[in-house]
Amino acid sequence: MSPPDAREARVKRLLEGPYPTVPPDLAAGAAAHGDRLLRRRRAMQRIGWGLLWAAVVAFVVWASLTGAWSTPSSEVSPPW
């Protein structure tokens, strides 16, 4: 086996040694941040669905007013 290198020894000391203290408001801050992200995501989804719905309604209104799927009447009759 090869001798342990300095990085591995340092990592082992960090894992065995005393752990740093965690700020007491860390969990509350993380929860508040997660709530903000969820609210923002929900708002963006609602805006997206609203825009999609408005686009569909606008398309249906345009198609019904212009007769997009009806065949155009021939204004010139074929010669006999």
N, C-alpha and C. Protein backbone atom coordinates (compact mmCIF):
# COMPACT_ATOMS: atom_id res chain seq x y z
N MET A 1 0.83 -1.18 0.00
CA MET A 1 0.00 0.00 0.00
C MET A 1 0.87 1.24 0.00
N SER A 2 0.35 2.29 -0.59
CA SER A 2 1.09 3.54 -0.62
C SER A 2 0.82 4.33 0.66
N PRO A 3 1.77 5.15 1.08
CA PRO A 3 1.55 5.95 2.30
C PRO A 3 0.44 6.98 2.06
N PRO A 4 -0.33 7.30 3.10
CA PRO A 4 -1.42 8.27 2.92
C PRO A 4 -0.86 9.65 2.59
N ASP A 5 -1.53 10.31 1.68
CA ASP A 5 -1.05 11.62 1.31
C ASP A 5 -1.60 12.68 2.27
N ALA A 6 -1.13 13.89 2.11
CA ALA A 6 -1.48 14.97 3.04
C ALA A 6 -2.96 15.32 2.96
N ARG A 7 -3.52 15.26 1.76
CA ARG A 7 -4.94 15.61 1.62
C ARG A 7 -5.83 14.61 2.37
N GLU A 8 -5.51 13.34 2.22
CA GLU A 8 -6.31 12.32 2.90
C GLU A 8 -6.19 12.47 4.41
N ALA A 9 -5.01 12.75 4.90
CA ALA A 9 -4.82 12.94 6.34
C ALA A 9 -5.59 14.16 6.83
N ARG A 10 -5.59 15.22 6.05
CA ARG A 10 -6.32 16.43 6.44
C ARG A 10 -7.83 16.16 6.48
N VAL A 11 -8.33 15.42 5.50
CA VAL A 11 -9.75 15.09 5.48
C VAL A 11 -10.12 14.23 6.69
N LYS A 12 -9.28 13.27 7.01
CA LYS A 12 -9.55 12.42 8.17
C LYS A 12 -9.56 13.23 9.46
N ARG A 13 -8.63 14.20 9.59
CA ARG A 13 -8.62 15.05 10.78
C ARG A 13 -9.88 15.89 10.86
N LEU A 14 -10.34 16.41 9.71
CA LEU A 14 -11.57 17.20 9.71
C LEU A 14 -12.77 16.37 10.12
N LEU A 15 -12.82 15.13 9.65
CA LEU A 15 -13.96 14.27 9.97
C LEU A 15 -13.94 13.81 11.42
N GLU A 16 -12.77 13.66 11.99
CA GLU A 16 -12.67 13.18 13.38
C GLU A 16 -12.75 14.32 14.39
N GLY A 17 -12.37 15.50 13.98
CA GLY A 17 -12.26 16.62 14.90
C GLY A 17 -13.60 17.20 15.30
N PRO A 18 -13.60 18.28 16.08
CA PRO A 18 -14.84 18.93 16.48
C PRO A 18 -15.51 19.59 15.27
N TYR A 19 -16.79 19.47 15.25
CA TYR A 19 -17.55 20.02 14.13
C TYR A 19 -17.87 21.48 14.38
N PRO A 20 -17.93 22.28 13.31
CA PRO A 20 -18.26 23.70 13.49
C PRO A 20 -19.72 23.85 13.91
N THR A 21 -19.99 24.92 14.62
CA THR A 21 -21.36 25.15 15.07
C THR A 21 -22.22 25.65 13.91
N VAL A 22 -23.44 25.23 13.94
CA VAL A 22 -24.39 25.62 12.90
C VAL A 22 -25.20 26.80 13.44
N PRO A 23 -25.39 27.84 12.63
CA PRO A 23 -26.19 28.97 13.11
C PRO A 23 -27.61 28.51 13.46
N PRO A 24 -28.17 29.05 14.53
CA PRO A 24 -29.49 28.56 14.97
C PRO A 24 -30.62 28.91 14.00
N ASP A 25 -30.46 29.95 13.20
CA ASP A 25 -31.53 30.32 12.29
C ASP A 25 -31.33 29.77 10.87
N LEU A 26 -30.43 28.82 10.72
CA LEU A 26 -30.14 28.27 9.40
C LEU A 26 -31.34 27.53 8.83
N ALA A 27 -32.00 26.70 9.62
CA ALA A 27 -33.14 25.93 9.13
C ALA A 27 -34.31 26.84 8.77
N ALA A 28 -34.55 27.85 9.60
CA ALA A 28 -35.65 28.78 9.32
C ALA A 28 -35.36 29.58 8.05
N GLY A 29 -34.13 30.00 7.87
CA GLY A 29 -33.76 30.72 6.66
C GLY A 29 -33.89 29.86 5.41
N ALA A 30 -33.46 28.59 5.52
CA ALA A 30 -33.58 27.69 4.38
C ALA A 30 -35.05 27.42 4.05
N ALA A 31 -35.89 27.27 5.08
CA ALA A 31 -37.32 27.04 4.84
C ALA A 31 -37.96 28.27 4.19
N ALA A 32 -37.59 29.46 4.64
CA ALA A 32 -38.14 30.68 4.04
C ALA A 32 -37.69 30.82 2.59
N HIS A 33 -36.44 30.47 2.31
CA HIS A 33 -35.94 30.53 0.95
C HIS A 33 -36.69 29.55 0.06
N GLY A 34 -36.92 28.33 0.58
CA GLY A 34 -37.67 27.34 -0.18
C GLY A 34 -39.10 27.79 -0.44
N ASP A 35 -39.73 28.43 0.56
CA ASP A 35 -41.09 28.94 0.36
C ASP A 35 -41.11 30.01 -0.74
N ARG A 36 -40.11 30.91 -0.74
CA ARG A 36 -40.05 31.93 -1.77
C ARG A 36 -39.88 31.31 -3.15
N LEU A 37 -39.03 30.29 -3.25
CA LEU A 37 -38.84 29.63 -4.53
C LEU A 37 -40.13 28.97 -5.01
N LEU A 38 -40.84 28.30 -4.11
CA LEU A 38 -42.09 27.66 -4.49
C LEU A 38 -43.13 28.67 -4.93
N ARG A 39 -43.24 29.78 -4.19
CA ARG A 39 -44.22 30.81 -4.58
C ARG A 39 -43.87 31.40 -5.94
N ARG A 40 -42.59 31.64 -6.18
CA ARG A 40 -42.17 32.19 -7.46
C ARG A 40 -42.46 31.20 -8.59
N ARG A 41 -42.19 29.92 -8.35
CA ARG A 41 -42.43 28.90 -9.37
C ARG A 41 -43.93 28.79 -9.68
N ARG A 42 -44.75 28.81 -8.63
CA ARG A 42 -46.20 28.73 -8.85
C ARG A 42 -46.71 29.95 -9.60
N ALA A 43 -46.20 31.13 -9.27
CA ALA A 43 -46.62 32.35 -9.97
C ALA A 43 -46.22 32.27 -11.45
N MET A 44 -45.02 31.81 -11.73
CA MET A 44 -44.58 31.70 -13.12
C MET A 44 -45.41 30.67 -13.87
N GLN A 45 -45.78 29.58 -13.21
CA GLN A 45 -46.63 28.59 -13.87
C GLN A 45 -48.00 29.17 -14.16
N ARG A 46 -48.56 29.91 -13.22
CA ARG A 46 -49.87 30.53 -13.45
C ARG A 46 -49.81 31.53 -14.58
N ILE A 47 -48.76 32.34 -14.63
CA ILE A 47 -48.60 33.30 -15.71
C ILE A 47 -48.45 32.57 -17.04
N GLY A 48 -47.68 31.51 -17.06
CA GLY A 48 -47.48 30.73 -18.28
C GLY A 48 -48.78 30.11 -18.78
N TRP A 49 -49.54 29.50 -17.86
CA TRP A 49 -50.83 28.92 -18.25
C TRP A 49 -51.80 30.00 -18.71
N GLY A 50 -51.79 31.15 -18.06
CA GLY A 50 -52.65 32.25 -18.48
C GLY A 50 -52.31 32.73 -19.88
N LEU A 51 -51.01 32.87 -20.17
CA LEU A 51 -50.60 33.29 -21.51
C LEU A 51 -50.96 32.24 -22.56
N LEU A 52 -50.79 30.98 -22.22
CA LEU A 52 -51.17 29.92 -23.15
C LEU A 52 -52.67 29.94 -23.41
N TRP A 53 -53.46 30.11 -22.37
CA TRP A 53 -54.91 30.17 -22.52
C TRP A 53 -55.31 31.37 -23.38
N ALA A 54 -54.70 32.53 -23.15
CA ALA A 54 -55.01 33.72 -23.93
C ALA A 54 -54.63 33.51 -25.40
N ALA A 55 -53.50 32.84 -25.65
CA ALA A 55 -53.09 32.59 -27.03
C ALA A 55 -54.07 31.65 -27.72
N VAL A 56 -54.53 30.63 -27.02
CA VAL A 56 -55.50 29.70 -27.61
C VAL A 56 -56.81 30.42 -27.91
N VAL A 57 -57.29 31.23 -26.99
CA VAL A 57 -58.53 31.97 -27.21
C VAL A 57 -58.37 32.93 -28.38
N ALA A 58 -57.25 33.64 -28.44
CA ALA A 58 -57.01 34.57 -29.55
C ALA A 58 -56.96 33.83 -30.88
N PHE A 59 -56.34 32.66 -30.90
CA PHE A 59 -56.27 31.89 -32.13
C PHE A 59 -57.65 31.41 -32.57
N VAL A 60 -58.44 30.93 -31.63
CA VAL A 60 -59.79 30.45 -31.97
C VAL A 60 -60.65 31.60 -32.48
N VAL A 61 -60.56 32.75 -31.85
CA VAL A 61 -61.33 33.92 -32.31
C VAL A 61 -60.87 34.33 -33.70
N TRP A 62 -59.58 34.39 -33.94
CA TRP A 62 -59.06 34.75 -35.26
C TRP A 62 -59.51 33.74 -36.31
N ALA A 63 -59.41 32.43 -35.99
CA ALA A 63 -59.79 31.41 -36.95
C ALA A 63 -61.27 31.45 -37.25
N SER A 64 -62.10 31.74 -36.25
CA SER A 64 -63.54 31.79 -36.51
C SER A 64 -63.93 33.03 -37.29
N LEU A 65 -63.23 34.14 -37.10
CA LEU A 65 -63.55 35.36 -37.84
C LEU A 65 -63.08 35.32 -39.29
N THR A 66 -61.93 34.71 -39.53
CA THR A 66 -61.39 34.70 -40.89
C THR A 66 -61.79 33.47 -41.67
N GLY A 67 -62.38 32.47 -41.04
CA GLY A 67 -62.73 31.24 -41.75
C GLY A 67 -61.50 30.54 -42.26
N ALA A 68 -60.56 30.30 -41.41
CA ALA A 68 -59.27 29.78 -41.81
C ALA A 68 -59.34 28.39 -42.44
N TRP A 69 -60.33 27.57 -42.10
CA TRP A 69 -60.39 26.22 -42.62
C TRP A 69 -61.42 26.05 -43.73
N SER A 70 -62.14 27.09 -44.07
CA SER A 70 -63.12 26.97 -45.15
C SER A 70 -62.41 27.14 -46.49
N THR A 71 -62.90 26.43 -47.47
CA THR A 71 -62.29 26.55 -48.80
C THR A 71 -62.76 27.84 -49.45
N PRO A 72 -61.88 28.54 -50.12
CA PRO A 72 -62.30 29.80 -50.74
C PRO A 72 -63.22 29.53 -51.93
N SER A 73 -64.20 30.35 -52.08
CA SER A 73 -65.11 30.17 -53.21
C SER A 73 -64.40 30.58 -54.49
N SER A 74 -64.66 29.84 -55.52
CA SER A 74 -64.02 30.19 -56.78
C SER A 74 -64.84 31.30 -57.44
N GLU A 75 -64.19 32.36 -57.75
CA GLU A 75 -64.89 33.50 -58.33
C GLU A 75 -64.92 33.44 -59.84
N VAL A 76 -64.11 32.58 -60.39
CA VAL A 76 -64.08 32.43 -61.83
C VAL A 76 -64.60 31.04 -62.18
N SER A 77 -65.57 30.96 -63.02
CA SER A 77 -66.08 29.65 -63.42
C SER A 77 -65.21 29.07 -64.52
N PRO A 78 -65.11 27.78 -64.53
CA PRO A 78 -64.25 27.18 -65.58
C PRO A 78 -64.88 27.39 -66.97
N PRO A 79 -64.05 27.51 -67.98
CA PRO A 79 -64.62 27.71 -69.34
C PRO A 79 -65.26 26.43 -69.86
N TRP A 80 -66.29 26.61 -70.73
CA TRP A 80 -66.97 25.44 -71.29
C TRP A 80 -66.41 25.12 -72.62
